Protein backbone atom coordinates (compact mmCIF):
# COMPACT_ATOMS: atom_id res chain seq x y z
CA MET A 1 -82.51 -152.66 29.68
CA SER A 2 -79.34 -151.74 27.81
CA ILE A 3 -76.08 -151.05 29.62
CA SER A 4 -73.52 -148.73 28.15
CA ARG A 5 -69.87 -149.74 27.79
CA GLU A 6 -68.82 -147.18 30.44
CA ASP A 7 -71.30 -148.60 32.93
CA LEU A 8 -70.10 -152.13 32.23
CA ILE A 9 -66.46 -151.09 32.75
CA ARG A 10 -67.41 -149.31 35.95
CA LEU A 11 -69.26 -152.41 37.27
CA LEU A 12 -66.37 -154.65 36.42
CA ARG A 13 -64.00 -152.32 38.29
CA GLU A 14 -66.31 -152.21 41.33
CA ASP A 15 -66.93 -155.96 41.42
CA PRO A 16 -63.96 -157.94 40.08
CA THR A 17 -65.93 -161.19 40.49
CA LEU A 18 -68.08 -160.20 37.52
CA VAL A 19 -64.95 -160.51 35.38
CA ASP A 20 -64.90 -164.31 35.83
CA GLU A 21 -68.59 -164.57 34.97
CA LEU A 22 -68.13 -162.38 31.95
CA ARG A 23 -65.04 -164.37 30.96
CA ALA A 24 -67.09 -167.63 31.16
CA ILE A 25 -69.70 -166.05 28.87
CA LEU A 26 -67.21 -164.56 26.42
CA LEU A 27 -64.72 -167.44 26.20
CA THR A 28 -65.69 -169.58 23.25
CA LYS A 29 -64.34 -173.03 22.37
CA ASP A 30 -61.74 -171.49 20.12
CA LEU A 31 -60.65 -169.17 22.87
CA LEU A 32 -60.43 -172.07 25.30
CA GLU A 33 -58.30 -173.98 22.88
CA LEU A 34 -56.12 -170.95 22.36
CA PRO A 35 -53.88 -171.73 25.42
CA ARG A 36 -53.32 -175.26 24.14
CA ARG A 37 -52.41 -173.93 20.74
CA THR A 38 -50.26 -171.30 22.44
CA ASP A 39 -48.60 -174.06 24.46
CA GLU A 40 -47.87 -176.05 21.26
CA GLN A 41 -46.53 -172.93 19.61
CA PHE A 42 -44.56 -172.13 22.71
CA ARG A 43 -43.11 -175.67 22.73
CA GLN A 44 -42.16 -175.27 19.05
CA VAL A 45 -40.64 -171.93 19.77
CA MET A 46 -38.80 -173.42 22.76
CA GLN A 47 -37.52 -176.29 20.58
CA LEU A 48 -36.37 -173.73 18.03
CA LEU A 49 -34.71 -171.78 20.80
CA ARG A 50 -33.03 -174.96 22.07
CA ASP A 51 -31.80 -175.72 18.55
CA LEU A 52 -30.57 -172.15 18.21
CA LEU A 53 -28.88 -172.40 21.57
CA ASP A 54 -27.21 -175.68 20.49
CA ILE A 55 -26.12 -173.88 17.31
CA VAL A 56 -24.83 -170.94 19.37
CA ARG A 57 -22.98 -173.36 21.69
CA GLN A 58 -21.49 -175.12 18.66
CA LEU A 59 -20.54 -171.76 17.26
CA ALA A 60 -19.03 -170.77 20.62
CA ASP A 61 -17.12 -174.06 20.77
CA TYR A 62 -16.05 -173.59 17.16
CA LEU A 63 -14.99 -170.02 17.93
CA ALA A 64 -13.11 -171.26 21.00
CA GLU A 65 -11.45 -173.95 18.85
CA VAL A 66 -10.63 -171.35 16.17
CA ALA A 67 -9.24 -169.05 18.85
CA ARG A 68 -7.19 -171.93 20.29
CA GLN A 69 -5.90 -172.84 16.87
CA THR A 70 -5.20 -169.15 16.15
CA LYS A 71 -3.33 -168.93 19.41
CA GLU A 72 -1.35 -172.10 18.66
CA ASN A 73 -0.67 -170.82 15.16
CA SER A 74 0.41 -167.49 16.60
CA GLN A 75 2.70 -169.30 19.03
CA ALA A 76 4.02 -171.49 16.22
CA ILE A 77 4.61 -168.45 14.05
CA ALA A 78 6.31 -166.66 16.97
CA THR A 79 8.42 -169.78 17.49
CA LEU A 80 9.27 -169.93 13.80
CA VAL A 81 10.14 -166.22 13.82
CA GLU A 82 12.32 -166.76 16.91
CA GLN A 83 13.97 -169.77 15.27
CA GLY A 84 14.52 -167.67 12.13
CA LYS A 85 16.16 -165.00 14.23
CA ARG A 86 18.34 -167.61 15.92
CA HIS A 87 19.25 -169.06 12.56
CA GLU A 88 20.16 -165.61 11.34
CA GLU A 89 22.27 -165.02 14.46
CA LEU A 90 23.92 -168.43 13.94
CA LEU A 91 24.60 -167.57 10.33
CA ALA A 92 26.07 -164.25 11.38
CA LYS A 93 28.26 -166.03 13.94
CA HIS A 94 29.26 -168.60 11.30
CA SER A 95 30.14 -165.77 8.95
CA GLU A 96 32.27 -164.17 11.63
CA ILE A 97 33.94 -167.53 12.34
CA LEU A 98 34.53 -168.01 8.63
CA THR A 99 36.01 -164.53 8.40
CA ARG A 100 38.29 -165.29 11.39
CA HIS A 101 39.28 -168.58 9.84
CA GLU A 102 40.12 -166.86 6.57
CA GLU A 103 42.19 -164.30 8.45
CA LEU A 104 43.90 -167.14 10.39
CA LEU A 105 44.51 -169.01 7.13
CA ALA A 106 45.95 -165.85 5.55
CA ALA A 107 48.15 -165.35 8.61
CA LEU A 108 49.22 -169.01 8.46
CA VAL A 109 49.95 -168.72 4.74
CA GLU A 110 51.96 -165.50 5.48
CA GLN A 111 53.75 -167.25 8.29
CA GLY A 112 54.46 -170.26 6.02
CA LYS A 113 55.97 -167.86 3.47
CA ARG A 114 58.07 -166.33 6.23
CA HIS A 115 59.16 -169.82 7.36
CA GLU A 116 60.06 -170.68 3.76
CA GLU A 117 62.08 -167.44 3.50
CA SER A 118 63.81 -168.17 6.84
CA LEU A 119 64.54 -171.71 5.68
CA THR A 120 65.98 -170.34 2.44
CA ARG A 121 68.12 -167.90 4.44
CA HIS A 122 69.14 -170.77 6.77
CA GLU A 123 70.10 -172.87 3.75
CA GLU A 124 72.12 -169.95 2.33
CA LEU A 125 73.84 -169.52 5.68
CA LEU A 126 74.54 -173.24 5.85
CA ALA A 127 76.00 -173.06 2.35
CA LYS A 128 78.18 -170.08 3.39
CA HIS A 129 79.17 -171.97 6.57
CA ALA A 130 80.07 -174.99 4.41
CA GLU A 131 82.17 -172.73 2.13
CA ILE A 132 83.83 -171.14 5.21
CA LEU A 133 84.49 -174.62 6.63
CA ALA A 134 85.94 -175.76 3.24
CA ARG A 135 88.21 -172.67 3.24
CA HIS A 136 89.19 -173.32 6.83
CA GLU A 137 90.03 -176.89 5.88
CA GLU A 138 92.14 -175.64 2.91
CA LEU A 139 93.88 -173.17 5.23
CA LEU A 140 94.51 -175.90 7.78
CA ALA A 141 95.90 -178.12 5.01
CA MET A 142 98.11 -175.24 3.85
CA LEU A 143 99.23 -174.66 7.47
CA VAL A 144 99.96 -178.33 7.88
CA GLU A 145 101.95 -178.25 4.63
CA GLN A 146 103.86 -175.12 5.81
CA GLY A 147 104.51 -176.80 9.13
CA LYS A 148 105.93 -179.80 7.33
CA ARG A 149 108.05 -177.46 5.25
CA HIS A 150 109.25 -175.57 8.38
CA GLU A 151 110.14 -178.86 10.01
CA GLU A 152 112.09 -179.91 6.98
CA SER A 153 113.89 -176.50 6.83
CA LEU A 154 114.61 -176.76 10.59
CA ALA A 155 116.01 -180.23 9.98
CA ARG A 156 118.23 -178.90 7.17
CA HIS A 157 119.31 -176.00 9.43
CA GLU A 158 120.19 -178.45 12.19
CA GLU A 159 122.16 -180.52 9.74
CA LEU A 160 124.00 -177.33 8.53
CA LEU A 161 124.74 -176.36 12.17
CA ALA A 162 126.06 -179.84 12.85
CA ALA A 163 128.25 -179.62 9.70
CA LEU A 164 129.45 -176.10 10.83
CA VAL A 165 130.27 -177.47 14.31
CA GLU A 166 132.10 -180.39 12.74
CA GLN A 167 133.92 -177.99 10.44
CA GLY A 168 134.83 -175.77 13.46
CA LYS A 169 136.31 -178.83 15.18
CA ARG A 170 138.20 -179.56 12.06
CA HIS A 171 139.43 -175.91 11.96
CA GLU A 172 140.60 -176.19 15.55
CA GLU A 173 142.46 -179.35 14.73
CA SER A 174 143.88 -177.72 11.65
CA LEU A 175 144.89 -174.72 13.78
CA ALA A 176 146.58 -177.02 16.13
CA ARG A 177 148.39 -178.69 13.28
CA HIS A 178 149.11 -175.17 11.94
CA GLU A 179 150.64 -174.16 15.24
CA GLU A 180 152.77 -177.24 15.09
CA LEU A 181 153.64 -176.46 11.55
CA LEU A 182 154.32 -172.81 12.49
CA THR A 183 156.63 -173.98 15.19
CA ALA A 184 158.28 -176.21 12.65
CA LEU A 185 158.29 -173.35 10.23
CA ILE A 186 159.79 -170.98 12.80
CA GLU A 187 162.37 -173.50 13.39
CA GLN A 188 162.90 -173.88 9.75
CA GLY A 189 162.95 -170.15 9.05
CA LYS A 190 162.46 -168.52 5.89
CA ARG A 191 161.56 -171.76 4.25
CA HIS A 192 158.20 -171.47 5.65
CA GLU A 193 157.59 -167.77 5.01
CA GLU A 194 156.06 -168.54 1.71
CA SER A 195 153.98 -171.25 3.29
CA LEU A 196 153.07 -168.79 6.11
CA THR A 197 151.96 -166.27 3.56
CA ARG A 198 149.83 -168.95 2.03
CA HIS A 199 148.63 -169.89 5.45
CA GLU A 200 147.69 -166.25 6.22
CA GLU A 201 145.74 -166.11 3.04
CA LEU A 202 144.07 -169.33 4.00
CA LEU A 203 143.31 -167.91 7.49
CA LYS A 204 141.80 -164.81 5.94
CA ARG A 205 139.67 -166.97 3.78
CA GLN A 206 138.73 -169.06 6.81
CA THR A 207 137.92 -165.89 8.76
CA GLU A 208 135.71 -164.68 5.88
CA ILE A 209 134.11 -168.11 5.84
CA LEU A 210 133.51 -167.93 9.63
CA ALA A 211 132.06 -164.40 9.23
CA ARG A 212 129.87 -165.70 6.49
CA HIS A 213 128.92 -168.66 8.74
CA GLU A 214 128.09 -166.19 11.59
CA GLU A 215 125.96 -164.16 9.19
CA LEU A 216 124.26 -167.35 8.02
CA LEU A 217 123.74 -168.29 11.66
CA ALA A 218 122.25 -164.85 12.41
CA LYS A 219 120.03 -165.17 9.41
CA HIS A 220 119.06 -168.65 10.48
CA ALA A 221 118.26 -167.24 13.98
CA GLU A 222 116.12 -164.53 12.42
CA ILE A 223 114.41 -167.15 10.23
CA LEU A 224 113.82 -169.34 13.30
CA ALA A 225 112.41 -166.32 15.19
CA ARG A 226 110.13 -165.59 12.29
CA HIS A 227 109.19 -169.25 12.15
CA GLU A 228 108.37 -169.15 15.84
CA GLU A 229 106.23 -166.06 15.34
CA LEU A 230 104.54 -167.71 12.43
CA LEU A 231 104.01 -170.87 14.53
CA ALA A 232 102.56 -168.67 17.35
CA MET A 233 100.27 -166.92 14.83
CA LEU A 234 99.38 -170.28 13.42
CA VAL A 235 98.60 -171.57 16.92
CA GLU A 236 96.50 -168.48 17.61
CA GLN A 237 94.71 -168.90 14.35
CA GLY A 238 94.21 -172.56 15.14
CA LYS A 239 92.65 -171.61 18.50
CA ARG A 240 90.49 -169.03 16.76
CA HIS A 241 89.56 -171.63 14.16
CA GLU A 242 88.68 -174.06 16.95
CA GLU A 243 86.53 -171.40 18.67
CA SER A 244 84.85 -170.49 15.39
CA LEU A 245 84.32 -174.21 14.73
CA ALA A 246 82.82 -174.58 18.21
CA ARG A 247 80.56 -171.59 17.59
CA HIS A 248 79.65 -173.00 14.19
CA GLU A 249 78.83 -176.30 15.79
CA GLU A 250 76.57 -174.49 18.35
CA LEU A 251 75.00 -172.51 15.52
CA LEU A 252 74.47 -175.74 13.62
CA LYS A 253 72.91 -177.34 16.70
CA ARG A 254 70.64 -174.34 17.17
CA GLN A 255 69.79 -174.33 13.51
CA THR A 256 69.00 -178.03 13.77
CA GLU A 257 66.78 -177.38 16.78
CA ILE A 258 65.13 -174.41 14.97
CA LEU A 259 64.59 -176.62 11.93
CA ALA A 260 63.12 -179.34 14.16
CA ARG A 261 60.82 -176.75 15.77
CA HIS A 262 59.91 -175.42 12.37
CA GLU A 263 59.04 -178.91 11.22
CA GLU A 264 56.92 -179.40 14.37
CA LEU A 265 55.22 -176.01 13.77
CA LEU A 266 54.65 -176.94 10.11
CA ALA A 267 53.20 -180.26 11.22
CA LYS A 268 50.93 -178.45 13.71
CA HIS A 269 50.05 -175.91 11.06
CA ALA A 270 49.21 -178.75 8.69
CA GLU A 271 46.98 -180.28 11.39
CA ILE A 272 45.35 -176.89 12.12
CA LEU A 273 44.82 -176.40 8.37
CA ALA A 274 43.26 -179.87 8.16
CA ARG A 275 41.03 -179.05 11.13
CA HIS A 276 40.12 -175.70 9.54
CA GLU A 277 39.24 -177.44 6.35
CA GLU A 278 37.09 -179.94 8.30
CA LEU A 279 35.46 -177.04 10.17
CA LEU A 280 34.93 -175.17 6.87
CA ALA A 281 33.36 -178.27 5.36
CA THR A 282 31.18 -178.66 8.51
CA LEU A 283 30.24 -174.96 8.39
CA VAL A 284 29.35 -175.23 4.71
CA GLU A 285 27.27 -178.31 5.42
CA GLN A 286 25.59 -176.49 8.34
CA GLY A 287 25.01 -173.50 6.12
CA LYS A 288 23.29 -175.71 3.55
CA ARG A 289 21.22 -177.28 6.31
CA HIS A 290 20.32 -173.87 7.68
CA GLU A 291 19.33 -172.73 4.21
CA GLU A 292 17.15 -175.84 3.81
CA THR A 293 15.70 -175.24 7.30
CA LEU A 294 15.00 -171.60 6.43
CA GLU A 295 13.32 -172.69 3.20
CA ARG A 296 11.16 -175.15 5.12
CA HIS A 297 10.39 -172.41 7.72
CA GLU A 298 9.43 -170.02 4.94
CA LYS A 299 7.12 -172.66 3.45
CA LEU A 300 5.64 -173.34 6.90
CA LEU A 301 5.23 -169.61 7.46
CA ALA A 302 3.49 -169.27 4.10
CA LYS A 303 1.16 -172.19 4.98
CA ALA A 304 0.59 -170.72 8.46
CA MET A 305 -0.18 -167.33 6.90
CA GLU A 306 -2.64 -169.02 4.51
CA LEU A 307 -4.26 -170.83 7.49
CA LEU A 308 -4.44 -167.52 9.43
CA GLU A 309 -5.99 -165.79 6.44
CA ASN A 310 -8.52 -168.63 6.02
CA GLN A 311 -9.25 -168.60 9.74
CA GLN A 312 -9.48 -164.83 9.69
CA GLN A 313 -11.97 -165.06 6.81
CA ARG A 314 -13.92 -167.70 8.71
CA LEU A 315 -13.87 -165.55 11.84
CA GLU A 316 -15.06 -162.57 9.86
CA ALA A 317 -17.85 -164.69 8.33
CA LEU A 318 -18.75 -165.97 11.80
CA GLU A 319 -18.70 -162.45 13.18
CA ARG A 320 -20.95 -161.27 10.32
CA TRP A 321 -23.26 -164.21 10.96
CA VAL A 322 -23.30 -163.58 14.71
CA GLU A 323 -23.90 -159.87 14.03
CA TRP A 324 -26.78 -160.86 11.76
CA ALA A 325 -28.14 -163.57 14.05
CA SER A 326 -27.72 -161.80 17.42
CA PRO A 327 -30.60 -159.30 17.03
CA ARG A 328 -32.83 -162.02 15.54
CA LEU A 329 -31.94 -164.42 18.38
CA SER A 330 -32.55 -161.63 20.90
CA LYS A 331 -35.95 -160.94 19.30
CA VAL A 332 -36.83 -164.64 19.37
CA TYR A 333 -35.65 -164.91 22.94
CA GLY A 334 -37.58 -161.77 23.83
CA ARG A 335 -40.71 -163.24 22.23
CA THR A 336 -40.21 -166.40 24.31
CA LEU A 337 -39.84 -164.36 27.48
CA GLU A 338 -42.97 -162.40 26.49
CA LEU A 339 -44.95 -165.62 26.18
CA THR A 340 -43.57 -166.80 29.50
CA TYR A 341 -44.47 -163.49 31.16
CA ARG A 342 -47.99 -163.62 29.60
CA GLU A 343 -48.58 -167.14 30.93
CA ARG A 344 -47.27 -166.40 34.46
CA PRO A 345 -47.64 -162.67 35.14
CA PHE A 346 -48.11 -163.14 38.85
CA GLY A 347 -44.88 -165.16 39.23
CA PHE A 348 -42.82 -162.37 37.64
CA PHE A 349 -44.69 -159.16 38.46
CA GLY A 350 -46.47 -160.11 41.69
CA GLU A 351 -43.99 -158.11 43.69
CA ILE A 352 -45.08 -154.93 41.93
CA VAL A 353 -48.88 -155.36 41.78
CA ARG A 354 -51.47 -157.82 43.13
CA ARG A 355 -54.14 -159.59 41.10
CA VAL A 356 -52.07 -158.95 38.05
CA ARG A 357 -53.38 -159.91 34.63
CA CYS A 358 -52.51 -159.22 31.00
CA VAL A 359 -54.42 -156.64 29.01
CA SER A 360 -55.72 -158.30 25.90
CA ASP A 361 -55.38 -156.86 22.41
CA GLU A 362 -59.12 -156.29 22.15
CA GLU A 363 -59.32 -154.40 25.42
CA LEU A 364 -56.22 -152.36 24.52
CA GLN A 365 -57.63 -151.63 21.06
CA GLU A 366 -60.89 -150.31 22.50
CA ILE A 367 -59.08 -148.07 25.02
CA LEU A 368 -56.80 -146.73 22.27
CA GLU A 369 -59.71 -146.04 19.90
CA LYS A 370 -61.57 -144.12 22.62
CA ALA A 371 -58.44 -142.09 23.51
CA LEU A 372 -57.88 -141.37 19.83
CA GLN A 373 -61.46 -140.24 19.40
CA GLU A 374 -61.17 -138.02 22.40
CA ARG A 375 -57.89 -136.70 20.90
CA ARG A 376 -55.89 -137.47 24.02
CA ILE A 377 -53.21 -139.17 21.93
CA THR A 378 -51.97 -139.06 18.33
CA LYS A 379 -51.67 -141.78 15.78
CA ILE A 380 -47.94 -142.08 16.49
CA GLU A 381 -48.60 -142.44 20.21
CA GLU A 382 -51.28 -145.08 19.46
CA LYS A 383 -48.67 -146.98 17.47
CA GLU A 384 -46.14 -146.70 20.29
CA ILE A 385 -48.65 -148.16 22.87
CA ALA A 386 -49.68 -150.89 20.41
CA LEU A 387 -45.95 -151.89 20.08
CA THR A 388 -45.45 -152.21 23.80
CA ASP A 389 -44.20 -155.72 24.60
CA LEU A 390 -46.59 -156.33 27.51
CA ILE A 391 -49.24 -154.24 29.33
CA LEU A 392 -50.47 -155.53 32.71
CA ARG A 393 -53.17 -154.43 35.19
CA GLY A 394 -53.39 -155.03 38.89
CA VAL A 395 -53.72 -153.40 42.31
CA ARG A 396 -50.90 -151.68 44.24
CA ASP A 397 -51.51 -150.09 47.63
CA GLY A 398 -55.29 -150.54 47.05
CA LYS A 399 -55.23 -148.56 43.81
CA PRO A 400 -55.66 -149.84 40.27
CA THR A 401 -52.26 -149.87 38.62
CA TRP A 402 -51.04 -150.39 35.03
CA LEU A 403 -47.60 -151.68 33.98
CA THR A 404 -45.94 -150.94 30.67
CA VAL A 405 -43.34 -153.70 30.29
CA GLU A 406 -40.44 -153.73 27.81
CA ILE A 407 -38.96 -157.25 27.47
CA SER A 408 -35.44 -158.22 26.26
CA GLY A 409 -33.07 -161.02 26.91
CA THR A 410 -30.43 -158.51 27.93
CA VAL A 411 -31.94 -155.26 29.10
CA ASP A 412 -30.28 -152.12 27.74
CA VAL A 413 -30.77 -148.33 27.96
CA ASP A 414 -33.12 -148.22 24.95
CA ASP A 415 -35.55 -150.61 26.73
CA VAL A 416 -35.58 -148.32 29.77
CA ILE A 417 -36.20 -145.25 27.62
CA ARG A 418 -39.07 -146.96 25.68
CA ALA A 419 -40.67 -148.13 28.93
CA VAL A 420 -40.61 -144.57 30.37
CA GLU A 421 -41.92 -142.93 27.16
CA ARG A 422 -44.74 -145.48 26.68
CA SER A 423 -45.77 -145.21 30.32
CA LYS A 424 -46.07 -141.43 29.90
CA ILE A 425 -48.22 -141.88 26.72
CA LEU A 426 -50.46 -144.40 28.59
CA SER A 427 -50.85 -141.91 31.46
CA LYS A 428 -52.43 -139.41 29.01
CA PHE A 429 -55.64 -141.43 28.68
CA ILE A 430 -55.55 -143.70 31.78
CA THR A 431 -56.39 -142.04 35.05
CA ASP A 432 -54.92 -144.94 37.08
CA GLN A 433 -51.31 -145.16 38.20
CA VAL A 434 -48.88 -146.27 35.41
CA ILE A 435 -45.49 -147.82 36.30
CA PRO A 436 -42.78 -148.38 33.67
CA VAL A 437 -41.08 -151.84 33.88
CA VAL A 438 -38.25 -153.47 32.06
CA ALA A 439 -37.84 -157.29 32.22
CA GLY A 440 -35.31 -159.83 31.00
CA GLU A 441 -32.61 -162.35 31.98
CA SER A 442 -29.81 -159.92 32.76
CA CYS A 443 -28.45 -156.36 32.48
CA SER A 444 -25.32 -154.45 33.40
CA GLU A 445 -24.90 -152.49 36.63
CA GLU A 446 -24.91 -149.24 34.63
CA VAL A 447 -28.28 -150.04 33.00
CA LEU A 448 -29.78 -151.10 36.34
CA GLU A 449 -28.69 -147.88 38.01
CA PHE A 450 -29.91 -145.88 34.96
CA ALA A 451 -33.39 -147.51 35.19
CA LEU A 452 -33.74 -147.12 38.97
CA GLN A 453 -32.75 -143.44 38.79
CA ARG A 454 -35.71 -142.91 36.32
CA ASP A 455 -38.28 -144.69 38.56
CA VAL A 456 -38.36 -147.80 36.40
CA TRP A 457 -38.86 -151.20 37.96
CA VAL A 458 -36.40 -153.83 36.79
CA VAL A 459 -37.32 -157.54 36.75
CA LEU A 460 -34.31 -159.80 36.17
CA ASP A 461 -34.81 -163.58 36.06
CA GLY A 462 -37.97 -163.28 38.21
CA LYS A 463 -36.42 -160.92 40.77
CA ALA A 464 -37.81 -157.37 40.99
CA HIS A 465 -35.65 -154.30 41.70
CA SER A 466 -37.53 -151.34 43.05
CA PRO A 467 -36.64 -147.71 42.19
CA GLU A 468 -37.89 -146.62 45.61
CA THR A 469 -35.19 -148.43 47.58
CA GLN A 470 -32.80 -149.41 44.75
CA GLN A 471 -32.82 -152.96 46.15
CA ASP A 472 -35.22 -155.91 46.30
CA SER A 473 -38.73 -154.55 46.84
CA PRO A 474 -40.93 -155.83 49.73
CA GLN A 475 -44.27 -157.48 48.94
CA PRO A 476 -46.82 -154.77 47.88
CA THR A 477 -49.99 -154.39 49.98
CA ASN A 478 -53.44 -154.77 48.58
């Protein structure tokens, strides 16, 4: 008695225990060894994944080290730039100080010229004062000489006056003798007339002499008055000369003090000039040091820029490698998750369906060939179902249920869309309930919300999220 394939499928659905008996009949030695081989391959794949993870960790550490070095280099460059700015500010300040020093030096030179001119004028004034003093001394010598001459003339006048007085006494005595002679002559008479005549002539001459003496005395009095006036003028001039000499002495003292101050100022100016020269030498030395420092900084900046360019090139190479390796690592990781999910479907999808098992490739191929023969799907749709990461069967709420599972290390929107589309294609030739599922290690909140809004179950790290409650689903009933 032959049994058709449809009858066999119906019997298996009605009595699930026949599946185990049929499995015992169909599983050959090779098929029994397939799990061991799969385990070995899985171990190899896991070892490769561990190696890849080590490489990724090393790359992450290297990237962190590169980022740290880049940050340090950036800080060093910022420090160098800041130091360069400070050096430029210091150079600008030094330039201003040098300009001020040059102005001060020019002012000091100008002041020195003025001091030299003032000293020259003071020397000329001193020479003029010396000439004036020499003239004053000559005038004083002349005055002293005139005084001596006046004293001599006064002495001669006194001698003349004494002689005149003596002569007057003699005239009086002679007059007395004349009176006696006149008396004798009167007594004698005519004998003395001739002598009287001679006496009268002599008296006239004596009178003229006395008049002349009086004129000489008047002239001597006038000369004495003039001499007194001249002496008074000379005394006044002497006082004025003394006052002018006192003033000259004060001026000389002041000039001496001014010269002493000028000498002190010149000494201070010399000290200031020496200090300025020292400061200029120091500033020149500092300028040379700043130039050397700037040259070293420029070299360091060039080296830092070369290092940055090298690190940038390495980072770009690493980014290209990561960009190249990320999808491949994701695929490898997805394959690993797929093997894990195939080995333990109940542990990961038991919250969605009970008695869950994987649909084998042979079973799926037969179902797809039948649906293609019945023209329920197209070749493209057949290819889409064949490319589904994992198809599971089980029971949910007492009804046979199929799961179309899309697996990825990090679930994204494309996985959700593929799960929905492939569940719709599977529903075209499967009369049972079909539920779209995405599974992986993690996903973003936006992707989780996007999936739950489209009635897609999300399994993350063994934890199922139901679209019915948008939270952890309760255990399904048989």
